[in-house]
Structure formats: C-alpha cells, structure tokens
Amino acid sequence: MAKGPSLDARAIREDYRRLQSQLEDLLMAHNALKSELSKLRSEVRLLRAKTATKDTATATRDDLEGLAKSIREVDRKRVQDKDLILKEMKALLRSGSSSGRTTKTSPNSQKSFEHTVQKDETISAIIAAYNADLKSQGGKKRITLKSVLDANPKLNPRTMRIGQTLFIPDPR
C-alpha cells in the first residue's frame, strides 16, 4: 500500500503541473488579447477623430442639394435668355434687317456698313455682294479684302461664325 499513495501523489502533482502549464498559456493568450484590444481601441479613437473633422474635399448631401438648386436656377435663366434672344431676333427679322446689312456712319464721317454673317457666307461672297450694290448705285471704287481685314483686325476669314458682325468700309 505504500505504493498506492505515492502513485496518487505523483498523479496529483502531474495534474497540477499540467494545469499550471495550461494556466500560464491562458495568461499569455489573455495578455496578448489585451494588447491587441488596446491597439484596436487606439485605432478606433484615431478613426473617430478623423471622421469628426470635416474633409473639405467631401461633399455632403446639403452641398449636393445646394449645387442642384443652383444648376436649376442657371438653367431657368438660360431658358429665359434663349427666349428673349429668339424674341429679339424675330423682331429684327420683321423689321426688315434680314439681309444682314446695315449702313452706319463712323465718327470720322466716313460711310461704312455693318454686316452680320449669315449661314454659308464667305468673306469673298460678302465683299462681292457689297461691290455689286456699289456698282448698281454707280460707284466706281470697289471694296477689297485688304480693306475689310484692316477694318476688322481680329477677323480670321476661315473661322467666321454665324451672327458675327463685320465692319465693311465704304471705298468712296
């Protein structure tokens, strides 16, 4: 029987060492988890601080709604302007200035013409039309391309736009 208690004592000591080893493992794992939890808390604090400050590059719903309202207002004004321009153009067409030509006297008392470029007109066709009018009125001098280009220094004959106004000097 002497062997019995010593076997029991050894078994108890062995169980005790095993439990102690497991407890140490659990304590190490617990400390590792506490460290990880501390890191995560720090990251959460940083993220909360970042989200608390408004990023100027980020648009809010209110910003987008304000922008949409401004765009609608600009579009409404654009439509009003278009309607007004169309109304004025119709009035001009009814008043008889549809040929695009108007006579004007410049400050130095030289007679000249203002011509509004129409669809499919070229600079040479415009000059030819004015020269034909001058000839039918008995004029002997002719309008030249050089005189028109000199009178319109920013004019590029290749890029004339419909509605663009040209100054046509009278050669008399």
C-alpha atoms as a PDB file:
ATOM      1  CA  MET A   1       0.000   0.000   0.000  1.00  0.00           C
ATOM      2  CA  ALA A   2       2.878   2.268   0.262  1.00  0.00           C
ATOM      3  CA  LYS A   3       2.993   2.407  -3.454  1.00  0.00           C
ATOM      4  CA  GLY A   4      -0.656   3.500  -3.754  1.00  0.00           C
ATOM      5  CA  PRO A   5      -0.413   6.897  -2.082  1.00  0.00           C
ATOM      6  CA  SER A   6       2.807   7.700  -3.817  1.00  0.00           C
ATOM      7  CA  LEU A   7       1.191   6.939  -7.186  1.00  0.00           C
ATOM      8  CA  ASP A   8      -1.734   9.093  -6.257  1.00  0.00           C
ATOM      9  CA  ALA A   9       0.580  11.863  -5.122  1.00  0.00           C
ATOM     10  CA  ARG A  10       2.543  11.639  -8.359  1.00  0.00           C
ATOM     11  CA  ALA A  11      -0.652  11.713 -10.409  1.00  0.00           C
ATOM     12  CA  ILE A  12      -1.865  14.746  -8.473  1.00  0.00           C
ATOM     13  CA  ARG A  13       1.481  16.535  -8.966  1.00  0.00           C
ATOM     14  CA  GLU A  14       1.412  15.693 -12.655  1.00  0.00           C
ATOM     15  CA  ASP A  15      -2.123  17.049 -12.948  1.00  0.00           C
ATOM     16  CA  TYR A  16      -1.057  20.127 -11.002  1.00  0.00           C
ATOM     17  CA  ARG A  17       1.912  20.789 -13.371  1.00  0.00           C
ATOM     18  CA  ARG A  18      -0.298  20.264 -16.416  1.00  0.00           C
ATOM     19  CA  LEU A  19      -2.943  22.641 -15.053  1.00  0.00           C
ATOM     20  CA  GLN A  20      -0.250  25.165 -14.118  1.00  0.00           C
ATOM     21  CA  SER A  21       1.165  24.964 -17.655  1.00  0.00           C
ATOM     22  CA  GLN A  22      -2.292  25.436 -19.151  1.00  0.00           C
ATOM     23  CA  LEU A  23      -2.914  28.382 -16.819  1.00  0.00           C
ATOM     24  CA  GLU A  24       0.350  30.018 -17.928  1.00  0.00           C
ATOM     25  CA  ASP A  25      -0.663  29.506 -21.597  1.00  0.00           C
ATOM     26  CA  LEU A  26      -4.063  31.047 -20.889  1.00  0.00           C
ATOM     27  CA  LEU A  27      -2.471  34.009 -19.103  1.00  0.00           C
ATOM     28  CA  MET A  28      -0.103  34.606 -22.038  1.00  0.00           C
ATOM     29  CA  ALA A  29      -3.010  34.413 -24.510  1.00  0.00           C
ATOM     30  CA  HIS A  30      -5.037  36.752 -22.276  1.00  0.00           C
ATOM     31  CA  ASN A  31      -2.191  39.306 -22.199  1.00  0.00           C
ATOM     32  CA  ALA A  32      -1.807  39.068 -25.992  1.00  0.00           C
ATOM     33  CA  LEU A  33      -5.553  39.698 -26.435  1.00  0.00           C
ATOM     34  CA  LYS A  34      -5.392  42.659 -24.021  1.00  0.00           C
ATOM     35  CA  SER A  35      -2.536  44.127 -26.074  1.00  0.00           C
ATOM     36  CA  GLU A  36      -4.487  43.615 -29.339  1.00  0.00           C
ATOM     37  CA  LEU A  37      -7.605  45.171 -27.770  1.00  0.00           C
ATOM     38  CA  SER A  38      -5.553  48.205 -26.704  1.00  0.00           C
ATOM     39  CA  LYS A  39      -4.258  48.658 -30.270  1.00  0.00           C
ATOM     40  CA  LEU A  40      -7.773  48.379 -31.684  1.00  0.00           C
ATOM     41  CA  ARG A  41      -9.060  50.986 -29.213  1.00  0.00           C
ATOM     42  CA  SER A  42      -6.308  53.371 -30.334  1.00  0.00           C
ATOM     43  CA  GLU A  43      -7.241  52.850 -33.988  1.00  0.00           C
ATOM     44  CA  VAL A  44     -10.925  53.456 -33.231  1.00  0.00           C
ATOM     45  CA  ARG A  45     -10.031  56.717 -31.444  1.00  0.00           C
ATOM     46  CA  LEU A  46      -7.975  57.858 -34.445  1.00  0.00           C
ATOM     47  CA  LEU A  47     -10.765  56.978 -36.896  1.00  0.00           C
ATOM     48  CA  ARG A  48     -13.331  58.815 -34.771  1.00  0.00           C
ATOM     49  CA  ALA A  49     -11.086  61.875 -34.658  1.00  0.00           C
ATOM     50  CA  LYS A  50     -10.657  61.755 -38.452  1.00  0.00           C
ATOM     51  CA  THR A  51     -14.372  61.453 -39.111  1.00  0.00           C
ATOM     52  CA  ALA A  52     -15.166  64.213 -36.639  1.00  0.00           C
ATOM     53  CA  THR A  53     -13.196  66.747 -38.693  1.00  0.00           C
ATOM     54  CA  LYS A  54     -14.955  67.683 -41.947  1.00  0.00           C
ATOM     55  CA  ASP A  55     -12.968  66.900 -45.046  1.00  0.00           C
ATOM     56  CA  THR A  56     -13.257  69.856 -47.448  1.00  0.00           C
ATOM     57  CA  ALA A  57     -12.926  67.521 -50.432  1.00  0.00           C
ATOM     58  CA  THR A  58     -16.012  65.566 -49.380  1.00  0.00           C
ATOM     59  CA  ALA A  59     -19.441  66.776 -50.409  1.00  0.00           C
ATOM     60  CA  THR A  60     -22.371  66.434 -48.054  1.00  0.00           C
ATOM     61  CA  ARG A  61     -25.990  65.898 -49.041  1.00  0.00           C
ATOM     62  CA  ASP A  62     -26.665  69.583 -48.294  1.00  0.00           C
ATOM     63  CA  ASP A  63     -23.778  70.590 -50.577  1.00  0.00           C
ATOM     64  CA  LEU A  64     -25.175  68.477 -53.411  1.00  0.00           C
ATOM     65  CA  GLU A  65     -28.713  69.791 -52.914  1.00  0.00           C
ATOM     66  CA  GLY A  66     -27.418  73.386 -52.969  1.00  0.00           C
ATOM     67  CA  LEU A  67     -25.480  72.681 -56.153  1.00  0.00           C
ATOM     68  CA  ALA A  68     -28.534  71.106 -57.785  1.00  0.00           C
ATOM     69  CA  LYS A  69     -30.615  74.152 -56.829  1.00  0.00           C
ATOM     70  CA  SER A  70     -28.005  76.499 -58.332  1.00  0.00           C
ATOM     71  CA  ILE A  71     -27.883  74.455 -61.540  1.00  0.00           C
ATOM     72  CA  ARG A  72     -31.678  74.552 -61.841  1.00  0.00           C
ATOM     73  CA  GLU A  73     -31.595  78.355 -61.385  1.00  0.00           C
ATOM     74  CA  VAL A  74     -28.871  78.789 -64.016  1.00  0.00           C
ATOM     75  CA  ASP A  75     -30.805  76.554 -66.406  1.00  0.00           C
ATOM     76  CA  ARG A  76     -34.012  78.538 -65.801  1.00  0.00           C
ATOM     77  CA  LYS A  77     -32.177  81.787 -66.575  1.00  0.00           C
ATOM     78  CA  ARG A  78     -30.600  80.207 -69.670  1.00  0.00           C
ATOM     79  CA  VAL A  79     -34.037  79.291 -70.994  1.00  0.00           C
ATOM     80  CA  GLN A  80     -35.295  82.832 -70.285  1.00  0.00           C
ATOM     81  CA  ASP A  81     -32.290  84.299 -72.111  1.00  0.00           C
ATOM     82  CA  LYS A  82     -32.837  81.980 -75.061  1.00  0.00           C
ATOM     83  CA  ASP A  83     -36.492  83.011 -75.281  1.00  0.00           C
ATOM     84  CA  LEU A  84     -35.544  86.690 -75.088  1.00  0.00           C
ATOM     85  CA  ILE A  85     -32.898  86.307 -77.819  1.00  0.00           C
ATOM     86  CA  LEU A  86     -35.352  84.464 -80.068  1.00  0.00           C
ATOM     87  CA  LYS A  87     -37.961  87.175 -79.490  1.00  0.00           C
ATOM     88  CA  GLU A  88     -35.470  89.927 -80.360  1.00  0.00           C
ATOM     89  CA  MET A  89     -34.261  88.049 -83.451  1.00  0.00           C
ATOM     90  CA  LYS A  90     -37.846  87.641 -84.683  1.00  0.00           C
ATOM     91  CA  ALA A  91     -38.434  91.353 -84.121  1.00  0.00           C
ATOM     92  CA  LEU A  92     -35.289  92.159 -86.119  1.00  0.00           C
ATOM     93  CA  LEU A  93     -36.360  89.869 -88.946  1.00  0.00           C
ATOM     94  CA  ARG A  94     -39.801  91.512 -89.046  1.00  0.00           C
ATOM     95  CA  SER A  95     -38.244  94.983 -89.117  1.00  0.00           C
ATOM     96  CA  GLY A  96     -36.520  94.179 -92.439  1.00  0.00           C
ATOM     97  CA  SER A  97     -32.872  93.832 -91.475  1.00  0.00           C
ATOM     98  CA  SER A  98     -32.792  90.198 -92.532  1.00  0.00           C
ATOM     99  CA  SER A  99     -30.134  90.763 -95.211  1.00  0.00           C
ATOM    100  CA  GLY A 100     -27.533  91.260 -92.514  1.00  0.00           C
ATOM    101  CA  ARG A 101     -26.560  94.687 -93.841  1.00  0.00           C
ATOM    102  CA  THR A 102     -26.930  97.993 -92.080  1.00  0.00           C
ATOM    103  CA  THR A 103     -25.393 101.313 -93.028  1.00  0.00           C
ATOM    104  CA  LYS A 104     -23.557 103.224 -90.372  1.00  0.00           C
ATOM    105  CA  THR A 105     -21.629 106.460 -90.318  1.00  0.00           C
ATOM    106  CA  SER A 106     -18.460 106.261 -88.270  1.00  0.00           C
ATOM    107  CA  PRO A 107     -17.200 109.113 -86.081  1.00  0.00           C
ATOM    108  CA  ASN A 108     -14.798 110.338 -88.803  1.00  0.00           C
ATOM    109  CA  SER A 109     -17.816 110.842 -91.139  1.00  0.00           C
ATOM    110  CA  GLN A 110     -16.745 108.020 -93.451  1.00  0.00           C
ATOM    111  CA  LYS A 111     -19.672 105.894 -94.556  1.00  0.00           C
ATOM    112  CA  SER A 112     -19.412 102.222 -93.672  1.00  0.00           C
ATOM    113  CA  PHE A 113     -21.514  99.096 -93.335  1.00  0.00           C
ATOM    114  CA  GLU A 114     -22.027  96.601 -90.560  1.00  0.00           C
ATOM    115  CA  HIS A 115     -22.655  93.121 -91.836  1.00  0.00           C
ATOM    116  CA  THR A 116     -23.937  90.214 -89.748  1.00  0.00           C
ATOM    117  CA  VAL A 117     -22.589  86.928 -91.072  1.00  0.00           C
ATOM    118  CA  GLN A 118     -25.346  84.565 -92.256  1.00  0.00           C
ATOM    119  CA  LYS A 119     -25.228  80.801 -92.782  1.00  0.00           C
ATOM    120  CA  ASP A 120     -22.888  79.628 -95.600  1.00  0.00           C
ATOM    121  CA  GLU A 121     -21.446  83.128 -96.266  1.00  0.00           C
ATOM    122  CA  THR A 122     -17.766  83.584 -97.037  1.00  0.00           C
ATOM    123  CA  ILE A 123     -15.748  86.772 -96.842  1.00  0.00           C
ATOM    124  CA  SER A 124     -15.337  86.871-100.622  1.00  0.00           C
ATOM    125  CA  ALA A 125     -19.096  86.408-101.194  1.00  0.00           C
ATOM    126  CA  ILE A 126     -19.870  89.206 -98.725  1.00  0.00           C
ATOM    127  CA  ILE A 127     -17.397  91.585-100.432  1.00  0.00           C
ATOM    128  CA  ALA A 128     -18.780  90.642-103.870  1.00  0.00           C
ATOM    129  CA  ALA A 129     -22.351  91.417-102.737  1.00  0.00           C
ATOM    130  CA  TYR A 130     -21.354  94.843-101.417  1.00  0.00           C
ATOM    131  CA  ASN A 131     -19.382  95.578-104.595  1.00  0.00           C
ATOM    132  CA  ALA A 132     -22.439  94.603-106.685  1.00  0.00           C
ATOM    133  CA  ASP A 133     -24.574  97.040-104.649  1.00  0.00           C
ATOM    134  CA  LEU A 134     -21.984  99.779-105.101  1.00  0.00           C
ATOM    135  CA  LYS A 135     -21.816  99.122-108.837  1.00  0.00           C
ATOM    136  CA  SER A 136     -25.625  99.251-109.164  1.00  0.00           C
ATOM    137  CA  GLN A 137     -25.532 102.640-107.408  1.00  0.00           C
ATOM    138  CA  GLY A 138     -22.977 103.879-109.931  1.00  0.00           C
ATOM    139  CA  GLY A 139     -19.906 103.674-107.704  1.00  0.00           C
ATOM    140  CA  LYS A 140     -16.579 103.085-109.405  1.00  0.00           C
ATOM    141  CA  LYS A 141     -14.431 102.107-106.400  1.00  0.00           C
ATOM    142  CA  ARG A 142     -14.546  98.596-105.011  1.00  0.00           C
ATOM    143  CA  ILE A 143     -14.235  97.116-101.525  1.00  0.00           C
ATOM    144  CA  THR A 144     -11.121  94.952-101.198  1.00  0.00           C
ATOM    145  CA  LEU A 145     -10.320  92.021 -98.961  1.00  0.00           C
ATOM    146  CA  LYS A 146      -7.408  94.012 -97.531  1.00  0.00           C
ATOM    147  CA  SER A 147      -9.668  96.941 -96.555  1.00  0.00           C
ATOM    148  CA  VAL A 148     -12.091  94.574 -94.785  1.00  0.00           C
ATOM    149  CA  LEU A 149      -9.251  92.769 -92.967  1.00  0.00           C
ATOM    150  CA  ASP A 150      -7.730  96.146 -91.987  1.00  0.00           C
ATOM    151  CA  ALA A 151     -11.118  97.305 -90.642  1.00  0.00           C
ATOM    152  CA  ASN A 152     -11.510  94.032 -88.666  1.00  0.00           C
ATOM    153  CA  PRO A 153      -8.056  93.288 -87.205  1.00  0.00           C
ATOM    154  CA  LYS A 154      -9.192  90.256 -85.204  1.00  0.00           C
ATOM    155  CA  LEU A 155     -11.071  88.669 -88.122  1.00  0.00           C
ATOM    156  CA  ASN A 156      -9.975  85.272 -89.357  1.00  0.00           C
ATOM    157  CA  PRO A 157     -11.882  84.692 -92.638  1.00  0.00           C
ATOM    158  CA  ARG A 158     -11.633  80.917 -92.233  1.00  0.00           C
ATOM    159  CA  THR A 159     -13.360  80.875 -88.854  1.00  0.00           C
ATOM    160  CA  MET A 160     -16.229  83.338 -89.246  1.00  0.00           C
ATOM    161  CA  ARG A 161     -19.273  82.477 -87.132  1.00  0.00           C
ATOM    162  CA  ILE A 162     -22.942  82.928 -87.935  1.00  0.00           C
ATOM    163  CA  GLY A 163     -24.100  86.120 -86.236  1.00  0.00           C
ATOM    164  CA  GLN A 164     -20.606  87.643 -86.158  1.00  0.00           C
ATOM    165  CA  THR A 165     -20.596  91.351 -87.046  1.00  0.00           C
ATOM    166  CA  LEU A 166     -18.146  92.646 -89.670  1.00  0.00           C
ATOM    167  CA  PHE A 167     -17.231  96.247 -90.335  1.00  0.00           C
ATOM    168  CA  ILE A 168     -17.242  96.862 -94.115  1.00  0.00           C
ATOM    169  CA  PRO A 169     -15.575 100.179 -95.043  1.00  0.00           C
ATOM    170  CA  ASP A 170     -17.125 102.153 -97.913  1.00  0.00           C
ATOM    171  CA  PRO A 171     -14.440 102.730-100.599  1.00  0.00           C
ATOM    172  CA  ARG A 172     -15.815 106.158-101.646  1.00  0.00           C
END
